[in-house]
N, C-alpha and C. Protein backbone atom coordinates (compact mmCIF):
# COMPACT_ATOMS: atom_id res chain seq x y z
N UNK A 1 -6.67 26.28 -16.13
CA UNK A 1 -7.83 26.58 -17.35
C UNK A 1 -7.65 26.97 -18.39
N UNK A 2 -8.04 27.44 -19.37
CA UNK A 2 -7.78 28.12 -20.46
C UNK A 2 -8.13 28.80 -20.82
N UNK A 3 -6.66 29.71 -21.16
CA UNK A 3 -7.50 31.67 -21.49
C UNK A 3 -7.22 31.63 -23.00
N UNK A 4 -6.99 32.80 -23.29
CA UNK A 4 -6.59 32.94 -24.47
C UNK A 4 -4.91 32.91 -24.60
N UNK A 5 -4.14 33.13 -23.44
CA UNK A 5 -3.02 33.45 -23.64
C UNK A 5 -2.01 31.63 -23.15
N UNK A 6 -3.31 30.81 -22.92
CA UNK A 6 -2.65 29.36 -23.01
C UNK A 6 -3.24 29.14 -21.60
N UNK A 7 -2.77 27.57 -21.39
CA UNK A 7 -3.70 27.16 -19.76
C UNK A 7 -3.03 27.76 -18.59
N UNK A 8 -3.18 28.08 -17.64
CA UNK A 8 -3.11 28.58 -16.56
C UNK A 8 -3.27 27.81 -15.33
N UNK A 9 -2.70 27.72 -14.22
CA UNK A 9 -2.91 26.86 -13.42
C UNK A 9 -3.73 27.64 -12.21
N UNK A 10 -4.79 27.28 -11.50
CA UNK A 10 -5.25 27.94 -10.45
C UNK A 10 -4.91 27.40 -9.12
N UNK A 11 -4.81 26.47 -8.80
CA UNK A 11 -4.77 25.89 -7.48
C UNK A 11 -3.48 24.67 -7.49
N UNK A 12 -3.01 24.33 -6.83
CA UNK A 12 -1.93 22.87 -6.48
C UNK A 12 -2.64 22.21 -4.96
N UNK A 13 -2.93 21.03 -5.34
CA UNK A 13 -3.94 20.27 -3.92
C UNK A 13 -2.48 19.22 -3.63
N UNK A 14 -2.19 19.37 -2.92
CA UNK A 14 -0.89 18.14 -1.91
C UNK A 14 -1.66 17.87 -1.16
N UNK A 15 -2.83 16.62 -1.56
CA UNK A 15 -3.71 15.89 -0.65
C UNK A 15 -3.91 14.97 -1.30
N UNK A 16 -4.46 13.93 -0.56
CA UNK A 16 -5.28 12.91 -1.24
C UNK A 16 -6.87 13.45 -2.04
N UNK A 17 -6.98 12.86 -3.29
CA UNK A 17 -8.48 13.46 -3.86
C UNK A 17 -9.04 12.45 -3.30
N UNK A 18 -10.31 12.39 -3.04
CA UNK A 18 -11.75 11.31 -2.84
C UNK A 18 -12.59 11.92 -4.08
N UNK A 19 -12.69 10.87 -5.12
CA UNK A 19 -12.39 9.38 -4.56
C UNK A 19 -11.42 9.13 -5.03
N UNK A 20 -10.41 9.42 -5.66
CA UNK A 20 -9.01 8.96 -6.81
C UNK A 20 -8.78 7.90 -5.71
N UNK A 21 -8.33 8.38 -4.39
CA UNK A 21 -7.44 7.90 -3.31
C UNK A 21 -8.05 6.24 -3.23
N UNK A 22 -9.88 6.57 -3.02
CA UNK A 22 -10.43 5.42 -2.39
C UNK A 22 -10.58 4.01 -3.70
N UNK A 23 -10.11 4.40 -4.80
CA UNK A 23 -10.32 3.13 -5.64
C UNK A 23 -8.99 3.11 -6.28
N UNK A 24 -7.73 4.09 -5.96
CA UNK A 24 -6.49 3.25 -6.19
C UNK A 24 -5.90 2.45 -5.01
N UNK A 25 -5.60 3.31 -4.08
CA UNK A 25 -5.18 2.28 -2.65
C UNK A 25 -5.12 0.89 -2.43
N UNK A 26 -6.55 0.85 -2.87
CA UNK A 26 -6.90 -0.62 -2.21
C UNK A 26 -5.92 -1.67 -3.71
N UNK A 27 -5.66 -1.17 -4.52
CA UNK A 27 -4.28 -2.05 -5.85
C UNK A 27 -3.44 -1.51 -4.85
N UNK A 28 -2.84 -0.72 -4.48
CA UNK A 28 -1.22 -1.24 -4.29
C UNK A 28 -1.45 -1.71 -3.23
N UNK A 29 0.17 -2.84 -3.01
CA UNK A 29 0.43 -3.71 -2.59
C UNK A 29 1.43 -3.51 -1.22
N UNK A 30 2.62 -2.83 -2.56
CA UNK A 30 3.04 -1.79 -1.54
C UNK A 30 3.15 -1.31 -0.30
N UNK A 31 3.95 -1.27 0.65
CA UNK A 31 3.42 -0.56 2.21
C UNK A 31 3.57 1.11 1.54
N UNK A 32 2.21 1.95 1.82
CA UNK A 32 2.39 3.57 1.61
C UNK A 32 3.07 4.12 2.23
N UNK A 33 3.33 4.01 3.67
CA UNK A 33 4.31 4.68 4.21
C UNK A 33 5.47 4.61 3.71
N UNK A 34 6.08 3.10 3.63
CA UNK A 34 7.60 2.93 2.52
C UNK A 34 7.55 3.93 1.14
N UNK A 35 6.97 4.08 0.67
CA UNK A 35 6.77 4.51 -0.91
C UNK A 35 6.96 6.13 -0.42
N UNK A 36 5.60 6.71 0.41
CA UNK A 36 5.61 7.96 0.35
C UNK A 36 7.03 8.07 0.81
N UNK A 37 7.90 7.45 2.17
CA UNK A 37 8.89 8.37 2.87
C UNK A 37 10.36 8.33 1.70
N UNK A 38 9.86 7.13 0.75
CA UNK A 38 10.97 7.11 0.12
C UNK A 38 11.00 8.54 -0.93
N UNK A 39 10.09 8.53 -1.38
CA UNK A 39 9.71 10.14 -2.95
C UNK A 39 10.24 10.77 -1.41
N UNK A 40 9.94 11.00 -0.24
CA UNK A 40 10.34 12.37 0.69
C UNK A 40 12.11 12.36 0.75
N UNK A 41 12.15 11.33 0.63
CA UNK A 41 13.81 11.03 0.79
C UNK A 41 14.53 11.38 -0.53
N UNK A 42 13.54 11.10 -1.40
CA UNK A 42 14.08 11.74 -2.79
C UNK A 42 14.70 10.03 -3.81
N UNK A 43 14.56 8.62 -3.00
CA UNK A 43 14.67 7.58 -3.00
C UNK A 43 13.54 6.42 -3.74
N UNK A 44 12.59 7.14 -4.22
CA UNK A 44 11.46 6.40 -5.31
C UNK A 44 12.43 5.09 -6.21
N UNK A 45 13.60 5.57 -6.48
CA UNK A 45 14.10 4.33 -7.50
C UNK A 45 14.01 3.17 -6.63
N UNK A 46 14.80 3.49 -5.09
CA UNK A 46 15.01 2.31 -4.48
C UNK A 46 13.83 1.67 -4.08
N UNK A 47 12.71 2.29 -4.29
CA UNK A 47 10.92 2.06 -3.76
C UNK A 47 10.06 1.70 -4.69
N UNK A 48 10.07 1.50 -5.69
CA UNK A 48 9.15 1.51 -6.92
C UNK A 48 7.76 0.81 -6.37
N UNK A 49 6.79 1.50 -6.37
CA UNK A 49 5.64 0.82 -5.69
C UNK A 49 4.97 0.07 -6.83
N UNK A 50 3.99 -1.37 -6.04
CA UNK A 50 3.97 -2.51 -6.23
C UNK A 50 2.42 -2.51 -6.53
N UNK A 51 1.87 -2.44 -7.46
CA UNK A 51 0.32 -2.98 -7.84
C UNK A 51 -0.25 -4.53 -7.88
N UNK A 52 -1.04 -5.16 -7.25
CA UNK A 52 -1.83 -5.77 -7.23
C UNK A 52 -2.43 -6.09 -8.46
N UNK A 53 -1.81 -7.16 -9.76
CA UNK A 53 -2.30 -7.11 -11.23
C UNK A 53 -3.33 -8.06 -11.35
N UNK A 54 -3.72 -8.81 -10.20
CA UNK A 54 -5.01 -9.40 -10.56
C UNK A 54 -6.19 -9.28 -9.74
N UNK A 55 -6.39 -7.71 -9.73
CA UNK A 55 -7.65 -6.80 -8.89
C UNK A 55 -7.64 -5.55 -9.89
N UNK A 56 -9.06 -5.47 -9.70
CA UNK A 56 -9.50 -4.25 -10.14
C UNK A 56 -10.49 -3.28 -9.52
N UNK A 57 -10.86 -2.27 -9.22
CA UNK A 57 -11.29 -1.42 -8.40
C UNK A 57 -12.11 -0.48 -9.01
N UNK A 58 -13.45 -0.35 -8.72
CA UNK A 58 -14.39 0.75 -8.77
C UNK A 58 -15.16 1.42 -8.11
N UNK A 59 -14.95 2.47 -7.39
CA UNK A 59 -15.68 3.60 -6.28
C UNK A 59 -16.54 4.26 -7.22
N UNK A 60 -17.86 4.22 -6.65
CA UNK A 60 -19.01 4.98 -6.95
C UNK A 60 -19.53 6.11 -5.52
N UNK A 61 -19.72 7.24 -6.04
CA UNK A 61 -19.74 8.25 -4.98
C UNK A 61 -20.84 8.17 -4.82
N UNK A 62 -21.95 8.47 -3.49
CA UNK A 62 -22.85 8.70 -3.00
C UNK A 62 -23.55 10.12 -2.77
N UNK A 63 -23.90 10.68 -3.15
CA UNK A 63 -24.80 12.15 -2.42
C UNK A 63 -25.67 12.67 -1.87
N UNK A 64 -26.21 13.87 -1.25
CA UNK A 64 -27.47 13.85 -1.20
C UNK A 64 -27.97 14.84 -2.35
N UNK A 65 -29.12 14.40 -2.78
CA UNK A 65 -30.08 15.23 -3.64
C UNK A 65 -29.92 16.51 -3.06
N UNK A 66 -30.14 17.02 -4.46
CA UNK A 66 -29.48 18.32 -4.59
C UNK A 66 -28.31 18.92 -4.73
N UNK A 67 -27.39 17.87 -4.15
CA UNK A 67 -26.42 18.25 -4.37
C UNK A 67 -25.62 18.83 -5.63
N UNK A 68 -24.57 19.72 -6.27
CA UNK A 68 -23.62 21.08 -5.68
C UNK A 68 -24.60 21.55 -4.88
N UNK A 69 -25.96 22.08 -4.89
CA UNK A 69 -26.92 22.89 -4.13
C UNK A 69 -27.38 22.58 -2.83
N UNK A 70 -28.45 22.84 -2.77
CA UNK A 70 -28.59 22.79 -1.32
C UNK A 70 -29.32 21.08 -1.39
N UNK A 71 -28.98 20.71 0.16
CA UNK A 71 -29.33 19.29 0.32
C UNK A 71 -30.09 19.30 1.86
N UNK A 72 -30.28 18.23 2.20
CA UNK A 72 -30.67 17.80 3.30
C UNK A 72 -29.66 17.07 4.05
N UNK A 73 -29.78 17.74 5.78
CA UNK A 73 -28.55 16.56 6.62
C UNK A 73 -29.10 16.30 7.97
N UNK A 74 -28.71 15.29 8.38
CA UNK A 74 -29.25 14.59 9.93
C UNK A 74 -30.21 13.91 8.95
N UNK A 75 -30.28 13.04 7.78
CA UNK A 75 -30.82 11.50 7.52
C UNK A 75 -29.94 10.38 7.65
N UNK A 76 -30.55 9.71 8.31
CA UNK A 76 -29.83 8.23 8.74
C UNK A 76 -29.83 7.43 7.53
N UNK A 77 -28.40 6.88 8.16
CA UNK A 77 -27.27 6.02 6.58
C UNK A 77 -27.70 4.32 7.37
N UNK A 78 -28.27 3.47 6.38
CA UNK A 78 -27.94 2.13 6.76
C UNK A 78 -27.38 1.24 5.91
N UNK A 79 -27.24 0.09 5.93
CA UNK A 79 -26.51 -1.19 5.05
C UNK A 79 -24.90 -1.03 5.24
N UNK A 80 -24.42 -0.13 6.06
CA UNK A 80 -23.02 -0.79 6.56
C UNK A 80 -22.59 -1.89 6.59
N UNK A 81 -23.38 -2.48 7.76
CA UNK A 81 -22.67 -4.04 7.73
C UNK A 81 -23.37 -4.82 6.83
N UNK A 82 -24.60 -4.69 6.08
CA UNK A 82 -24.29 -5.77 4.71
C UNK A 82 -23.18 -5.18 3.70
N UNK A 83 -22.96 -4.20 3.42
CA UNK A 83 -21.76 -3.73 2.80
C UNK A 83 -20.32 -4.89 3.22
N UNK A 84 -20.42 -4.70 4.39
CA UNK A 84 -19.26 -5.34 4.64
C UNK A 84 -19.06 -6.89 4.40
N UNK A 85 -20.25 -7.04 4.60
CA UNK A 85 -20.69 -8.51 4.52
C UNK A 85 -20.44 -9.00 2.84
N UNK A 86 -20.60 -8.09 2.22
CA UNK A 86 -20.75 -8.21 0.64
C UNK A 86 -18.78 -8.05 0.46
N UNK A 87 -18.30 -7.54 1.17
CA UNK A 87 -16.56 -7.32 1.06
C UNK A 87 -16.79 -5.92 0.53
N UNK A 88 -17.22 -4.90 0.25
CA UNK A 88 -16.99 -3.50 0.06
C UNK A 88 -16.76 -2.76 1.05
N UNK A 89 -16.08 -1.68 0.46
CA UNK A 89 -15.09 -0.43 1.22
C UNK A 89 -15.81 0.58 1.25
N UNK A 90 -16.24 1.33 2.42
CA UNK A 90 -17.26 2.03 2.53
C UNK A 90 -16.31 3.38 3.14
N UNK A 91 -16.33 4.75 2.50
CA UNK A 91 -15.68 5.43 2.59
C UNK A 91 -16.70 6.74 3.39
N UNK A 92 -16.32 7.13 4.30
CA UNK A 92 -17.49 8.34 4.49
C UNK A 92 -16.50 9.12 4.40
N UNK A 93 -17.51 10.73 4.38
CA UNK A 93 -17.25 11.71 3.26
C UNK A 93 -18.37 12.73 4.30
N UNK A 94 -18.97 13.04 3.83
CA UNK A 94 -20.28 13.93 4.13
C UNK A 94 -21.19 12.95 5.16
N UNK A 95 -20.28 12.45 6.91
CA UNK A 95 -21.30 12.02 7.14
C UNK A 95 -20.79 12.09 8.46
N UNK A 96 -21.91 12.34 9.44
CA UNK A 96 -21.90 12.52 11.10
C UNK A 96 -22.04 11.65 12.40
N UNK A 97 -21.97 11.30 13.52
CA UNK A 97 -22.48 10.62 14.55
C UNK A 97 -23.66 11.68 14.79
N UNK A 98 -24.81 10.85 15.44
CA UNK A 98 -25.98 11.46 15.57
C UNK A 98 -26.83 10.21 16.69
N UNK A 99 -26.48 10.67 18.14
CA UNK A 99 -27.50 9.53 18.62
C UNK A 99 -27.07 7.97 18.41
N UNK A 100 -25.55 8.01 18.25
CA UNK A 100 -25.27 6.77 18.17
C UNK A 100 -25.36 5.78 16.63
N UNK A 101 -25.77 7.00 15.79
CA UNK A 101 -26.42 6.55 14.08
C UNK A 101 -25.38 7.75 13.06
N UNK A 102 -25.45 6.75 12.47
CA UNK A 102 -24.57 7.69 10.67
C UNK A 102 -25.46 8.45 10.61
N UNK A 103 -25.29 9.85 10.11
CA UNK A 103 -26.25 10.16 9.74
C UNK A 103 -25.35 11.62 8.30
N UNK A 104 -26.40 11.77 7.64
CA UNK A 104 -25.40 12.65 6.41
C UNK A 104 -25.52 14.02 7.14
N UNK A 105 -24.26 14.74 6.46
CA UNK A 105 -23.81 16.39 6.79
C UNK A 105 -23.38 16.92 5.88
N UNK A 106 -23.53 16.20 4.31
CA UNK A 106 -22.62 17.52 3.86
C UNK A 106 -22.86 16.59 2.44
N UNK A 107 -22.24 17.22 1.39
CA UNK A 107 -23.20 16.56 0.06
C UNK A 107 -22.62 15.53 -1.00
N UNK A 108 -21.30 15.70 -0.83
CA UNK A 108 -20.83 13.75 -1.63
C UNK A 108 -20.71 12.83 0.24
N UNK A 109 -21.59 12.57 0.19
CA UNK A 109 -22.01 11.47 1.45
C UNK A 109 -20.78 10.38 1.83
N UNK A 110 -20.17 9.49 0.90
CA UNK A 110 -19.81 8.49 0.91
C UNK A 110 -19.37 7.70 -0.16
N UNK A 111 -18.70 7.17 -0.15
CA UNK A 111 -18.23 6.16 -1.93
C UNK A 111 -18.29 4.99 -1.45
N UNK A 112 -18.54 3.94 -2.19
CA UNK A 112 -18.73 2.52 -1.86
C UNK A 112 -17.59 2.00 -3.21
N UNK A 113 -16.78 1.21 -2.68
CA UNK A 113 -15.83 0.40 -3.38
C UNK A 113 -15.65 -1.05 -3.59
N UNK A 114 -15.90 -1.66 -4.88
CA UNK A 114 -15.92 -2.92 -5.18
C UNK A 114 -14.37 -3.52 -5.55
N UNK A 115 -13.62 -4.22 -4.97
CA UNK A 115 -12.52 -4.64 -5.50
C UNK A 115 -12.40 -5.95 -6.09
N UNK A 116 -12.55 -6.19 -6.85
CA UNK A 116 -12.80 -7.64 -7.58
C UNK A 116 -11.70 -8.07 -9.06
N UNK A 117 -12.01 -9.46 -9.20
CA UNK A 117 -10.58 -9.59 -10.43
C UNK A 117 -10.49 -9.19 -11.60
N UNK A 118 -11.90 -8.57 -11.76
CA UNK A 118 -11.58 -7.92 -12.88
C UNK A 118 -12.57 -6.73 -13.13
N UNK A 119 -12.38 -5.86 -14.01
CA UNK A 119 -13.42 -4.10 -14.10
C UNK A 119 -14.52 -4.26 -14.32
N UNK A 120 -15.23 -5.74 -15.06
CA UNK A 120 -16.57 -5.52 -15.31
C UNK A 120 -17.85 -5.98 -13.86
N UNK A 121 -16.67 -7.53 -13.26
CA UNK A 121 -16.93 -7.71 -11.99
C UNK A 121 -16.98 -6.60 -10.29
N UNK A 122 -15.81 -5.73 -10.79
CA UNK A 122 -16.04 -4.89 -9.84
C UNK A 122 -17.26 -3.66 -9.97
N UNK A 123 -17.64 -3.49 -10.84
CA UNK A 123 -18.54 -2.73 -11.82
C UNK A 123 -19.78 -2.96 -11.24
N UNK A 124 -19.88 -4.16 -11.53
CA UNK A 124 -21.39 -4.73 -10.78
C UNK A 124 -21.29 -4.69 -9.46
N UNK A 125 -20.46 -5.21 -8.94
CA UNK A 125 -20.33 -5.04 -7.47
C UNK A 125 -20.33 -3.60 -6.90
N UNK A 126 -19.80 -3.10 -7.21
CA UNK A 126 -19.98 -1.52 -6.83
C UNK A 126 -21.33 -0.88 -6.80
N UNK A 127 -21.86 -1.32 -8.01
CA UNK A 127 -23.44 -1.14 -8.38
C UNK A 127 -24.18 -1.74 -7.16
N UNK A 128 -23.69 -2.85 -7.03
CA UNK A 128 -25.15 -3.69 -6.46
C UNK A 128 -24.67 -2.55 -4.64
N UNK A 129 -23.53 -2.55 -4.37
CA UNK A 129 -23.45 -1.79 -3.07
C UNK A 129 -23.56 -0.46 -2.25
N UNK A 130 -23.81 0.14 -3.99
CA UNK A 130 -25.20 1.74 -3.83
C UNK A 130 -26.63 1.32 -3.44
N UNK A 131 -26.55 0.39 -3.57
CA UNK A 131 -28.21 -0.16 -3.93
C UNK A 131 -28.36 -0.90 -2.36
N UNK A 132 -27.12 -1.40 -1.56
CA UNK A 132 -27.59 -1.76 -0.30
C UNK A 132 -27.33 -0.83 1.04
N UNK A 133 -26.91 0.36 0.68
CA UNK A 133 -26.48 2.11 1.52
C UNK A 133 -27.90 2.03 1.17
N UNK A 134 -28.37 2.87 2.35
CA UNK A 134 -29.50 3.57 2.01
C UNK A 134 -29.54 5.05 3.35
N UNK A 135 -29.84 5.77 2.62
CA UNK A 135 -30.43 7.41 3.32
C UNK A 135 -31.40 7.76 2.34
N UNK A 136 -32.52 8.71 2.71
CA UNK A 136 -33.45 8.83 2.20
C UNK A 136 -32.64 10.65 1.06
N UNK A 137 -33.00 10.23 -0.14
CA UNK A 137 -32.39 11.16 -1.22
C UNK A 137 -31.34 10.96 -1.38
N UNK A 138 -30.52 9.32 -1.52
CA UNK A 138 -29.22 9.29 -2.05
C UNK A 138 -29.69 9.71 -3.78
N UNK A 139 -28.49 9.97 -3.96
CA UNK A 139 -28.18 9.86 -5.77
C UNK A 139 -26.71 9.28 -6.01
N UNK A 140 -26.62 9.11 -6.80
CA UNK A 140 -25.37 8.51 -7.16
C UNK A 140 -25.19 8.06 -9.34
N UNK A 141 -24.64 8.47 -10.14
CA UNK A 141 -24.03 7.80 -11.48
C UNK A 141 -24.25 6.63 -11.39
N UNK A 142 -24.55 6.04 -12.49
CA UNK A 142 -24.82 4.73 -12.80
C UNK A 142 -24.38 4.30 -14.37
N UNK A 143 -24.06 5.52 -15.13
CA UNK A 143 -22.48 5.46 -15.32
C UNK A 143 -21.59 5.11 -15.70
N UNK A 144 -21.06 4.66 -14.46
CA UNK A 144 -19.65 4.92 -13.53
C UNK A 144 -18.80 4.12 -14.10
N UNK A 145 -17.53 3.77 -14.84
CA UNK A 145 -17.01 2.39 -15.55
C UNK A 145 -17.08 2.10 -16.86
N UNK A 146 -18.65 2.41 -17.53
CA UNK A 146 -19.10 1.48 -18.46
C UNK A 146 -18.49 2.22 -19.89
N UNK A 147 -17.81 3.62 -19.87
CA UNK A 147 -16.83 3.80 -20.65
C UNK A 147 -15.47 2.93 -20.66
N UNK A 148 -14.63 3.01 -19.58
CA UNK A 148 -13.63 1.90 -19.97
C UNK A 148 -13.94 0.90 -19.72
N UNK A 149 -14.98 0.29 -19.67
CA UNK A 149 -15.02 -1.05 -20.23
C UNK A 149 -15.16 -1.25 -21.74
N UNK A 150 -15.75 -0.47 -22.43
CA UNK A 150 -15.85 -0.35 -23.55
C UNK A 150 -14.71 -0.29 -24.49
N UNK A 151 -13.70 0.87 -23.58
CA UNK A 151 -12.27 0.95 -24.11
C UNK A 151 -11.51 0.07 -24.01
N UNK A 152 -11.98 -0.43 -23.46
CA UNK A 152 -10.76 -2.26 -22.85
C UNK A 152 -10.97 -2.97 -23.90
N UNK A 153 -12.46 -3.61 -24.17
CA UNK A 153 -13.05 -4.15 -25.55
C UNK A 153 -12.49 -4.14 -26.30
N UNK A 154 -12.36 -2.64 -27.26
CA UNK A 154 -12.01 -2.17 -28.34
C UNK A 154 -10.44 -2.73 -28.10
N UNK A 155 -9.71 -2.03 -27.28
CA UNK A 155 -8.42 -2.33 -27.30
C UNK A 155 -7.95 -3.36 -27.84
N UNK A 156 -8.48 -4.78 -26.83
CA UNK A 156 -8.11 -5.49 -27.10
C UNK A 156 -8.86 -6.62 -28.21
N UNK A 157 -10.05 -6.21 -29.24
CA UNK A 157 -9.81 -6.57 -30.57
C UNK A 157 -8.68 -5.45 -31.62
N UNK A 158 -8.84 -4.62 -30.90
CA UNK A 158 -7.44 -3.78 -31.57
C UNK A 158 -6.06 -4.66 -31.65
N UNK A 159 -5.73 -5.03 -30.49
CA UNK A 159 -4.41 -5.77 -30.16
C UNK A 159 -4.72 -7.15 -30.30
N UNK A 160 -5.87 -7.85 -30.31
CA UNK A 160 -5.66 -9.15 -31.24
C UNK A 160 -5.84 -9.37 -32.48
N UNK A 161 -6.33 -8.35 -33.20
CA UNK A 161 -6.58 -8.13 -34.85
C UNK A 161 -7.69 -8.96 -35.13
N UNK A 162 -9.29 -8.87 -34.12
CA UNK A 162 -10.15 -9.04 -34.19
C UNK A 162 -10.83 -7.98 -34.59
N UNK A 163 -12.06 -8.73 -35.19
CA UNK A 163 -13.35 -7.39 -35.24
C UNK A 163 -14.55 -7.90 -34.84
N UNK A 164 -15.56 -6.93 -34.59
CA UNK A 164 -16.19 -7.15 -33.66
C UNK A 164 -17.66 -7.88 -34.57
N UNK A 165 -18.27 -8.65 -33.83
CA UNK A 165 -19.33 -8.73 -34.68
C UNK A 165 -20.76 -8.46 -34.74
């Protein structure tokens, strides 16, 4: 937090965050356990993480209408098998099982992650994924990834010395 005396740390989180790890870890080619163990043993220089360079991932959070305020719970969620058939990864957060059905139990309900050959394809696929997964009052951002794509396009033009028409 920025104060009149400069920046101050409010808390440290020594855990994986979501949705951050849900978009990053599918791109890790290395064995996560080996990387973590090398970190603990202070030997990370001997186990540099290797990433898939021919893939990109996009994750979109699906939340309950009303989040972060009041929201309904116990709403049935459908579309998991269709998402799997489309090659999407669905990570549960605010869900639970009730009478054999997956239902909402939190504000941030789940995330849908798409892994494709490039960022544009992954973004399109993730957006299709949030339409496949259904529950009453589902909300999600529709602007995820577009600034990154615009930045990459602009950088490519600058790097290649081109100008946009």
